[in-house]
Amino acid sequence: MTTEGAARSAVAADSDQGDATARIAELREIIERANRLYYEQDAPELADADYDRLFRELVDLEAAAEQRERAEALRDGLIHGVHSLLLARQHSRARGHSTARSLIGQPPPWKDPITEPFPAR
């Protein structure tokens, strides 16, 4: 995908997210009004089938928004983790240490906790 294509996809995703947010707000208003008319004023405005359809749409949109927020949080957390690891690697190399086995095959100056988790007896 080209940079221009990726930019268009990001703009479309933002637009879709904005549309979903606006639709969620609209559905909440409609449902709150319908509840108020039905329960407080005993003057239902919507048929039960219409109310159920709108309520189901709201639940689906809210679930999709929550899933999208979780995915974005996970992505942001992974990006932060990768950046932290890269910074630690740079810092370690600047101090003359290797974060893994060096390119010439020499072990780092400390024991590897993965391959040597316990001291030999």
C-alpha atoms as a PDB file:
ATOM      1  CA  MET A   1       0.000   0.000   0.000  1.00  0.00           C
ATOM      2  CA  THR A   2       1.343   3.402  -0.907  1.00  0.00           C
ATOM      3  CA  THR A   3       1.663   6.221   1.579  1.00  0.00           C
ATOM      4  CA  GLU A   4      -1.172   8.027  -0.194  1.00  0.00           C
ATOM      5  CA  GLY A   5      -3.368   4.909   0.032  1.00  0.00           C
ATOM      6  CA  ALA A   6      -2.587   4.511   3.731  1.00  0.00           C
ATOM      7  CA  ALA A   7      -3.457   8.168   4.324  1.00  0.00           C
ATOM      8  CA  ARG A   8      -6.783   7.726   2.523  1.00  0.00           C
ATOM      9  CA  SER A   9      -7.530   4.617   4.612  1.00  0.00           C
ATOM     10  CA  ALA A  10      -6.749   6.492   7.839  1.00  0.00           C
ATOM     11  CA  VAL A  11      -9.013   9.387   6.828  1.00  0.00           C
ATOM     12  CA  ALA A  12     -11.804   6.946   5.923  1.00  0.00           C
ATOM     13  CA  ALA A  13     -11.403   5.121   9.266  1.00  0.00           C
ATOM     14  CA  ASP A  14     -11.534   8.432  11.164  1.00  0.00           C
ATOM     15  CA  SER A  15     -14.622   9.432   9.192  1.00  0.00           C
ATOM     16  CA  ASP A  16     -16.296   6.077   9.887  1.00  0.00           C
ATOM     17  CA  GLN A  17     -15.427   6.380  13.585  1.00  0.00           C
ATOM     18  CA  GLY A  18     -16.871   9.894  13.680  1.00  0.00           C
ATOM     19  CA  ASP A  19     -20.016   8.692  11.909  1.00  0.00           C
ATOM     20  CA  ALA A  20     -20.381   5.835  14.414  1.00  0.00           C
ATOM     21  CA  THR A  21     -19.914   8.209  17.354  1.00  0.00           C
ATOM     22  CA  ALA A  22     -22.541  10.569  15.958  1.00  0.00           C
ATOM     23  CA  ARG A  23     -24.934   7.679  15.332  1.00  0.00           C
ATOM     24  CA  ILE A  24     -24.425   6.386  18.898  1.00  0.00           C
ATOM     25  CA  ALA A  25     -25.295   9.836  20.275  1.00  0.00           C
ATOM     26  CA  GLU A  26     -28.343  10.056  18.011  1.00  0.00           C
ATOM     27  CA  LEU A  27     -29.580   6.588  19.019  1.00  0.00           C
ATOM     28  CA  ARG A  28     -29.128   7.381  22.713  1.00  0.00           C
ATOM     29  CA  GLU A  29     -31.284  10.495  22.339  1.00  0.00           C
ATOM     30  CA  ILE A  30     -33.988   8.608  20.449  1.00  0.00           C
ATOM     31  CA  ILE A  31     -34.039   5.766  22.970  1.00  0.00           C
ATOM     32  CA  GLU A  32     -34.028   8.097  25.988  1.00  0.00           C
ATOM     33  CA  ARG A  33     -36.959  10.030  24.495  1.00  0.00           C
ATOM     34  CA  ALA A  34     -38.815   6.804  23.740  1.00  0.00           C
ATOM     35  CA  ASN A  35     -38.237   5.556  27.297  1.00  0.00           C
ATOM     36  CA  ARG A  36     -39.435   8.830  28.788  1.00  0.00           C
ATOM     37  CA  LEU A  37     -42.585   8.864  26.648  1.00  0.00           C
ATOM     38  CA  TYR A  38     -43.328   5.198  27.318  1.00  0.00           C
ATOM     39  CA  TYR A  39     -42.616   4.988  31.042  1.00  0.00           C
ATOM     40  CA  GLU A  40     -43.277   8.496  32.351  1.00  0.00           C
ATOM     41  CA  GLN A  41     -46.014   9.804  30.076  1.00  0.00           C
ATOM     42  CA  ASP A  42     -47.624   6.546  28.966  1.00  0.00           C
ATOM     43  CA  ALA A  43     -47.550   7.845  25.387  1.00  0.00           C
ATOM     44  CA  PRO A  44     -45.342   5.526  23.329  1.00  0.00           C
ATOM     45  CA  GLU A  45     -43.982   7.056  20.174  1.00  0.00           C
ATOM     46  CA  LEU A  46     -42.218   4.033  18.689  1.00  0.00           C
ATOM     47  CA  ALA A  47     -43.544   0.592  17.933  1.00  0.00           C
ATOM     48  CA  ASP A  48     -41.892  -2.162  19.973  1.00  0.00           C
ATOM     49  CA  ALA A  49     -40.206  -3.614  16.861  1.00  0.00           C
ATOM     50  CA  ASP A  50     -38.726  -0.213  15.937  1.00  0.00           C
ATOM     51  CA  TYR A  51     -37.516   0.353  19.495  1.00  0.00           C
ATOM     52  CA  ASP A  52     -35.921  -3.117  19.563  1.00  0.00           C
ATOM     53  CA  ARG A  53     -34.209  -2.521  16.202  1.00  0.00           C
ATOM     54  CA  LEU A  54     -32.797   0.836  17.336  1.00  0.00           C
ATOM     55  CA  PHE A  55     -31.699  -0.561  20.693  1.00  0.00           C
ATOM     56  CA  ARG A  56     -29.957  -3.518  18.997  1.00  0.00           C
ATOM     57  CA  GLU A  57     -28.195  -1.119  16.611  1.00  0.00           C
ATOM     58  CA  LEU A  58     -27.007   0.960  19.590  1.00  0.00           C
ATOM     59  CA  VAL A  59     -25.692  -2.120  21.409  1.00  0.00           C
ATOM     60  CA  ASP A  60     -23.845  -3.276  18.268  1.00  0.00           C
ATOM     61  CA  LEU A  61     -22.297   0.160  17.638  1.00  0.00           C
ATOM     62  CA  GLU A  62     -21.191   0.495  21.274  1.00  0.00           C
ATOM     63  CA  ALA A  63     -19.631  -2.979  21.207  1.00  0.00           C
ATOM     64  CA  ALA A  64     -17.757  -2.153  17.990  1.00  0.00           C
ATOM     65  CA  ALA A  65     -16.552   1.151  19.477  1.00  0.00           C
ATOM     66  CA  GLU A  66     -15.345  -0.621  22.630  1.00  0.00           C
ATOM     67  CA  GLN A  67     -13.528  -3.242  20.546  1.00  0.00           C
ATOM     68  CA  ARG A  68     -11.912  -0.508  18.450  1.00  0.00           C
ATOM     69  CA  GLU A  69     -10.802   1.337  21.610  1.00  0.00           C
ATOM     70  CA  ARG A  70      -9.272  -1.872  23.002  1.00  0.00           C
ATOM     71  CA  ALA A  71      -7.431  -2.514  19.738  1.00  0.00           C
ATOM     72  CA  GLU A  72      -6.093   1.051  19.705  1.00  0.00           C
ATOM     73  CA  ALA A  73      -4.995   0.763  23.349  1.00  0.00           C
ATOM     74  CA  LEU A  74      -3.258  -2.538  22.617  1.00  0.00           C
ATOM     75  CA  ARG A  75      -1.554  -1.069  19.568  1.00  0.00           C
ATOM     76  CA  ASP A  76      -0.445   1.999  21.532  1.00  0.00           C
ATOM     77  CA  GLY A  77       0.857  -0.229  24.341  1.00  0.00           C
ATOM     78  CA  LEU A  78       2.801  -2.383  21.897  1.00  0.00           C
ATOM     79  CA  ILE A  79       4.264   0.658  20.193  1.00  0.00           C
ATOM     80  CA  HIS A  80       5.297   2.061  23.579  1.00  0.00           C
ATOM     81  CA  GLY A  81       6.843  -1.290  24.540  1.00  0.00           C
ATOM     82  CA  VAL A  82       8.821  -1.524  21.311  1.00  0.00           C
ATOM     83  CA  HIS A  83      10.054   2.053  21.697  1.00  0.00           C
ATOM     84  CA  SER A  84      11.085   1.321  25.298  1.00  0.00           C
ATOM     85  CA  LEU A  85      13.004  -1.774  24.215  1.00  0.00           C
ATOM     86  CA  LEU A  86      14.746   0.121  21.425  1.00  0.00           C
ATOM     87  CA  LEU A  87      15.747   2.914  23.805  1.00  0.00           C
ATOM     88  CA  ALA A  88      17.048   0.388  26.331  1.00  0.00           C
ATOM     89  CA  ARG A  89      19.008  -1.322  23.579  1.00  0.00           C
ATOM     90  CA  GLN A  90      20.547   1.969  22.453  1.00  0.00           C
ATOM     91  CA  HIS A  91      21.405   2.885  26.043  1.00  0.00           C
ATOM     92  CA  SER A  92      22.983  -0.508  26.657  1.00  0.00           C
ATOM     93  CA  ARG A  93      25.046  -0.346  23.483  1.00  0.00           C
ATOM     94  CA  ALA A  94      26.158   3.209  24.268  1.00  0.00           C
ATOM     95  CA  ARG A  95      27.554   1.887  27.552  1.00  0.00           C
ATOM     96  CA  GLY A  96      29.440  -0.858  25.716  1.00  0.00           C
ATOM     97  CA  HIS A  97      27.085  -3.720  26.538  1.00  0.00           C
ATOM     98  CA  SER A  98      25.340  -6.088  24.205  1.00  0.00           C
ATOM     99  CA  THR A  99      21.623  -6.773  24.647  1.00  0.00           C
ATOM    100  CA  ALA A 100      22.017 -10.197  23.033  1.00  0.00           C
ATOM    101  CA  ARG A 101      24.836 -12.333  21.776  1.00  0.00           C
ATOM    102  CA  SER A 102      27.137 -10.044  19.843  1.00  0.00           C
ATOM    103  CA  LEU A 103      27.648 -10.335  16.134  1.00  0.00           C
ATOM    104  CA  ILE A 104      31.067 -11.938  16.626  1.00  0.00           C
ATOM    105  CA  GLY A 105      29.663 -14.700  18.798  1.00  0.00           C
ATOM    106  CA  GLN A 106      30.937 -13.601  22.189  1.00  0.00           C
ATOM    107  CA  PRO A 107      28.527 -13.865  25.112  1.00  0.00           C
ATOM    108  CA  PRO A 108      27.424 -10.718  26.910  1.00  0.00           C
ATOM    109  CA  PRO A 109      29.206  -9.900  30.203  1.00  0.00           C
ATOM    110  CA  TRP A 110      26.272 -11.312  32.225  1.00  0.00           C
ATOM    111  CA  LYS A 111      24.414 -14.601  32.192  1.00  0.00           C
ATOM    112  CA  ASP A 112      21.462 -14.925  29.860  1.00  0.00           C
ATOM    113  CA  PRO A 113      18.367 -15.516  32.056  1.00  0.00           C
ATOM    114  CA  ILE A 114      16.681 -17.472  29.258  1.00  0.00           C
ATOM    115  CA  THR A 115      19.376 -20.010  28.508  1.00  0.00           C
ATOM    116  CA  GLU A 116      20.934 -20.007  31.997  1.00  0.00           C
ATOM    117  CA  PRO A 117      18.112 -19.250  34.430  1.00  0.00           C
ATOM    118  CA  PHE A 118      19.718 -20.934  37.446  1.00  0.00           C
ATOM    119  CA  PRO A 119      23.356 -20.953  38.542  1.00  0.00           C
ATOM    120  CA  ALA A 120      25.183 -24.197  38.014  1.00  0.00           C
ATOM    121  CA  ARG A 121      25.925 -26.193  41.165  1.00  0.00           C
END
